[in-house]
Structure formats: C-alpha cells, structure tokens
Amino acid sequence: MGDRNTIVIHEPDAYNVETNPLYLYSHWMGQHLDQVVCDALRKGRTNDPAYFTRIVFSTMVQDDIHGTTSFGIAQTPQDHDSYNHMIHVKWHGDWGSEIYLVRDGKTYSKEGFLLAFDKTPKEETANL
C-alpha cells in the first residue's frame, strides 16, 4: 500500500565514467512528484546536476525533513505503483549543461515539463 513513485537522476558522463542512476523514492506522495520536479525546476541550478539533485530531494522531503519513513535514496530501482509515472532527469550538452526530462517515454525540455505538469497558480510564478 502507498502511493509509490520514483524520480530517476541520470548524471551526465562528464568524465567518461559510466554511472548508475540515482533513485529518489517516495512511498506516500507518488502522484505529486511531477509537481516536486516542477518546483525544483523553478528554483534553478538545472545546469549543475549535483546541486539540482539535492534541490529535487530537498523539495521532496521539505515537509518531513526529520522523518524516518516515506522517502529514500537508492542506487537500484524501488517499488513503483503502476498508476504513477517515473520521471527521469537527464542532461546533455557540454558537461551536462542542458537539462531534459523523460516521462512515459516522452522527452520534455525544462520549459515543456513546466507547461505540461506545473499546477502552481500563475500569479505565484509570474516573477520567477
């Protein structure tokens, strides 16, 4: 039981070193991870994978920072409810300078993902 979903972070191959994805797991707010990613995208640092990964996870856990359940970080896939859609965060360009996202096999730019999934009222994002 739960509302399980995962944000999968694929770091760029900046040093010709193959890396495994990092899985940011939520047990209870899987259907809200689209908005978590949107909120993180609006905060910035999208051209810096290490910082952006931390921003995504901080946004995920912001209301339960000291909790001992509900969230996890792993190097292997975690449980996933079939009605939820994993979000893959990737970078390309020189040194991973440009972010893009994949959800349900469809690729989105930062702006495209925000247009498709951001539920923040427009007046709250007008000055971003």
C-alpha atoms as a PDB file:
ATOM      1  CA  MET A   1       0.000   0.000   0.000  1.00  0.00           C
ATOM      2  CA  GLY A   2       1.023   3.557  -0.510  1.00  0.00           C
ATOM      3  CA  ASP A   3       1.439   5.954  -3.400  1.00  0.00           C
ATOM      4  CA  ARG A   4       4.905   4.925  -4.571  1.00  0.00           C
ATOM      5  CA  ASN A   5       6.891   6.610  -7.275  1.00  0.00           C
ATOM      6  CA  THR A   6      10.470   7.495  -8.150  1.00  0.00           C
ATOM      7  CA  ILE A   7      12.454  10.328  -9.682  1.00  0.00           C
ATOM      8  CA  VAL A   8      15.434   8.831 -11.504  1.00  0.00           C
ATOM      9  CA  ILE A   9      18.524  11.038 -11.801  1.00  0.00           C
ATOM     10  CA  HIS A  10      20.900  10.227 -14.665  1.00  0.00           C
ATOM     11  CA  GLU A  11      24.104  12.216 -14.165  1.00  0.00           C
ATOM     12  CA  PRO A  12      25.926  13.261 -17.333  1.00  0.00           C
ATOM     13  CA  ASP A  13      29.029  11.422 -18.473  1.00  0.00           C
ATOM     14  CA  ALA A  14      31.283  14.433 -17.865  1.00  0.00           C
ATOM     15  CA  TYR A  15      34.476  12.474 -17.188  1.00  0.00           C
ATOM     16  CA  ASN A  16      33.863   9.469 -19.443  1.00  0.00           C
ATOM     17  CA  VAL A  17      32.895   7.478 -16.374  1.00  0.00           C
ATOM     18  CA  GLU A  18      29.754   5.395 -16.578  1.00  0.00           C
ATOM     19  CA  THR A  19      27.497   5.982 -13.584  1.00  0.00           C
ATOM     20  CA  ASN A  20      24.353   4.263 -12.400  1.00  0.00           C
ATOM     21  CA  PRO A  21      21.203   6.317 -11.993  1.00  0.00           C
ATOM     22  CA  LEU A  22      20.219   7.592  -8.573  1.00  0.00           C
ATOM     23  CA  TYR A  23      16.662   6.767  -7.464  1.00  0.00           C
ATOM     24  CA  LEU A  24      14.795   9.289  -5.285  1.00  0.00           C
ATOM     25  CA  TYR A  25      11.886   7.323  -3.863  1.00  0.00           C
ATOM     26  CA  SER A  26       8.608   8.428  -2.307  1.00  0.00           C
ATOM     27  CA  HIS A  27       6.293   5.955  -0.601  1.00  0.00           C
ATOM     28  CA  TRP A  28       3.302   8.237   0.045  1.00  0.00           C
ATOM     29  CA  MET A  29       3.360  11.116  -2.461  1.00  0.00           C
ATOM     30  CA  GLY A  30       3.997   9.422  -5.782  1.00  0.00           C
ATOM     31  CA  GLN A  31       1.261  11.280  -7.642  1.00  0.00           C
ATOM     32  CA  HIS A  32       2.802  14.589  -6.536  1.00  0.00           C
ATOM     33  CA  LEU A  33       6.308  14.023  -7.871  1.00  0.00           C
ATOM     34  CA  ASP A  34       5.539  15.885 -11.117  1.00  0.00           C
ATOM     35  CA  GLN A  35       4.927  18.976  -9.004  1.00  0.00           C
ATOM     36  CA  VAL A  36       8.048  18.311  -6.915  1.00  0.00           C
ATOM     37  CA  VAL A  37      10.121  18.345 -10.105  1.00  0.00           C
ATOM     38  CA  CYS A  38       8.353  21.498 -11.334  1.00  0.00           C
ATOM     39  CA  ASP A  39       9.051  23.257  -8.036  1.00  0.00           C
ATOM     40  CA  ALA A  40      12.710  22.223  -8.234  1.00  0.00           C
ATOM     41  CA  LEU A  41      12.977  23.360 -11.869  1.00  0.00           C
ATOM     42  CA  ARG A  42      11.692  26.806 -10.893  1.00  0.00           C
ATOM     43  CA  LYS A  43      14.328  27.049  -8.118  1.00  0.00           C
ATOM     44  CA  GLY A  44      17.167  26.830 -10.642  1.00  0.00           C
ATOM     45  CA  ARG A  45      20.648  25.285 -10.756  1.00  0.00           C
ATOM     46  CA  THR A  46      19.408  22.977 -13.523  1.00  0.00           C
ATOM     47  CA  ASN A  47      22.798  23.184 -15.254  1.00  0.00           C
ATOM     48  CA  ASP A  48      24.556  21.685 -12.209  1.00  0.00           C
ATOM     49  CA  PRO A  49      23.491  18.035 -11.741  1.00  0.00           C
ATOM     50  CA  ALA A  50      24.826  17.650  -8.190  1.00  0.00           C
ATOM     51  CA  TYR A  51      23.108  20.772  -6.890  1.00  0.00           C
ATOM     52  CA  PHE A  52      19.923  20.136  -8.825  1.00  0.00           C
ATOM     53  CA  THR A  53      19.694  16.589  -7.468  1.00  0.00           C
ATOM     54  CA  ARG A  54      19.933  17.964  -3.938  1.00  0.00           C
ATOM     55  CA  ILE A  55      17.281  20.586  -4.728  1.00  0.00           C
ATOM     56  CA  VAL A  56      14.915  17.889  -6.019  1.00  0.00           C
ATOM     57  CA  PHE A  57      15.349  15.728  -2.930  1.00  0.00           C
ATOM     58  CA  SER A  58      15.079  18.702  -0.552  1.00  0.00           C
ATOM     59  CA  THR A  59      11.840  19.691  -2.273  1.00  0.00           C
ATOM     60  CA  MET A  60      10.557  16.111  -1.899  1.00  0.00           C
ATOM     61  CA  VAL A  61      11.195  15.921   1.843  1.00  0.00           C
ATOM     62  CA  GLN A  62      10.649  19.562   2.829  1.00  0.00           C
ATOM     63  CA  ASP A  63       7.580  18.774   4.964  1.00  0.00           C
ATOM     64  CA  ASP A  64       9.145  15.695   6.592  1.00  0.00           C
ATOM     65  CA  ILE A  65      12.829  16.548   6.885  1.00  0.00           C
ATOM     66  CA  HIS A  66      13.338  14.616  10.135  1.00  0.00           C
ATOM     67  CA  GLY A  67      11.079  11.663   9.274  1.00  0.00           C
ATOM     68  CA  THR A  68      12.367   8.108   9.251  1.00  0.00           C
ATOM     69  CA  THR A  69       9.969   6.697   6.659  1.00  0.00           C
ATOM     70  CA  SER A  70       8.320   7.793   3.414  1.00  0.00           C
ATOM     71  CA  PHE A  71      11.438   8.751   1.385  1.00  0.00           C
ATOM     72  CA  GLY A  72      14.633   7.103   0.244  1.00  0.00           C
ATOM     73  CA  ILE A  73      17.721   7.412  -1.925  1.00  0.00           C
ATOM     74  CA  ALA A  74      18.975   4.287  -3.695  1.00  0.00           C
ATOM     75  CA  GLN A  75      21.201   3.034  -6.500  1.00  0.00           C
ATOM     76  CA  THR A  76      18.659   0.419  -7.528  1.00  0.00           C
ATOM     77  CA  PRO A  77      15.017   0.725  -8.638  1.00  0.00           C
ATOM     78  CA  GLN A  78      12.473   0.868  -5.822  1.00  0.00           C
ATOM     79  CA  ASP A  79       8.800  -0.106  -5.563  1.00  0.00           C
ATOM     80  CA  HIS A  80       6.607   1.687  -8.038  1.00  0.00           C
ATOM     81  CA  ASP A  81       2.820   1.793  -8.328  1.00  0.00           C
ATOM     82  CA  SER A  82       1.707   1.175 -11.907  1.00  0.00           C
ATOM     83  CA  TYR A  83      -0.618   4.198 -11.965  1.00  0.00           C
ATOM     84  CA  ASN A  84       2.308   6.541 -11.259  1.00  0.00           C
ATOM     85  CA  HIS A  85       4.797   7.695 -13.869  1.00  0.00           C
ATOM     86  CA  MET A  86       8.532   7.657 -13.111  1.00  0.00           C
ATOM     87  CA  ILE A  87      10.295  10.869 -14.014  1.00  0.00           C
ATOM     88  CA  HIS A  88      13.790  10.622 -15.481  1.00  0.00           C
ATOM     89  CA  VAL A  89      16.022  13.684 -15.161  1.00  0.00           C
ATOM     90  CA  LYS A  90      18.888  13.819 -17.663  1.00  0.00           C
ATOM     91  CA  TRP A  91      21.431  16.263 -19.041  1.00  0.00           C
ATOM     92  CA  HIS A  92      23.158  16.718 -22.379  1.00  0.00           C
ATOM     93  CA  GLY A  93      25.409  19.289 -23.993  1.00  0.00           C
ATOM     94  CA  ASP A  94      28.887  20.311 -22.892  1.00  0.00           C
ATOM     95  CA  TRP A  95      29.475  18.956 -19.390  1.00  0.00           C
ATOM     96  CA  GLY A  96      25.764  18.261 -18.968  1.00  0.00           C
ATOM     97  CA  SER A  97      24.824  21.893 -19.339  1.00  0.00           C
ATOM     98  CA  GLU A  98      21.245  21.355 -20.536  1.00  0.00           C
ATOM     99  CA  ILE A  99      18.577  19.502 -18.587  1.00  0.00           C
ATOM    100  CA  TYR A 100      15.772  17.465 -20.097  1.00  0.00           C
ATOM    101  CA  LEU A 101      13.166  15.152 -18.603  1.00  0.00           C
ATOM    102  CA  VAL A 102      11.526  11.918 -19.724  1.00  0.00           C
ATOM    103  CA  ARG A 103       8.107  10.765 -18.525  1.00  0.00           C
ATOM    104  CA  ASP A 104       6.065   7.975 -20.132  1.00  0.00           C
ATOM    105  CA  GLY A 105       8.611   7.751 -22.940  1.00  0.00           C
ATOM    106  CA  LYS A 106       8.088  11.389 -23.915  1.00  0.00           C
ATOM    107  CA  THR A 107      11.009  13.834 -23.732  1.00  0.00           C
ATOM    108  CA  TYR A 108      10.491  17.345 -22.323  1.00  0.00           C
ATOM    109  CA  SER A 109      12.648  20.425 -22.108  1.00  0.00           C
ATOM    110  CA  LYS A 110      12.607  22.247 -18.777  1.00  0.00           C
ATOM    111  CA  GLU A 111      10.015  24.663 -20.151  1.00  0.00           C
ATOM    112  CA  GLY A 112       7.972  21.881 -21.739  1.00  0.00           C
ATOM    113  CA  PHE A 113       7.798  19.914 -18.486  1.00  0.00           C
ATOM    114  CA  LEU A 114       6.669  23.013 -16.600  1.00  0.00           C
ATOM    115  CA  LEU A 115       3.964  23.698 -19.190  1.00  0.00           C
ATOM    116  CA  ALA A 116       2.727  20.106 -19.083  1.00  0.00           C
ATOM    117  CA  PHE A 117       2.777  19.426 -15.331  1.00  0.00           C
ATOM    118  CA  ASP A 118       3.134  22.589 -13.217  1.00  0.00           C
ATOM    119  CA  LYS A 119      -0.014  23.156 -11.166  1.00  0.00           C
ATOM    120  CA  THR A 120       1.304  26.232  -9.350  1.00  0.00           C
ATOM    121  CA  PRO A 121      -1.138  29.141  -9.766  1.00  0.00           C
ATOM    122  CA  LYS A 122       0.191  31.512 -12.424  1.00  0.00           C
ATOM    123  CA  GLU A 123       0.227  34.507 -10.081  1.00  0.00           C
ATOM    124  CA  GLU A 124       2.740  32.637  -7.879  1.00  0.00           C
ATOM    125  CA  THR A 125       5.124  32.079 -10.800  1.00  0.00           C
ATOM    126  CA  ALA A 126       4.779  35.484 -12.505  1.00  0.00           C
ATOM    127  CA  ASN A 127       8.041  36.844 -11.078  1.00  0.00           C
ATOM    128  CA  LEU A 128      10.171  33.710 -11.457  1.00  0.00           C
END
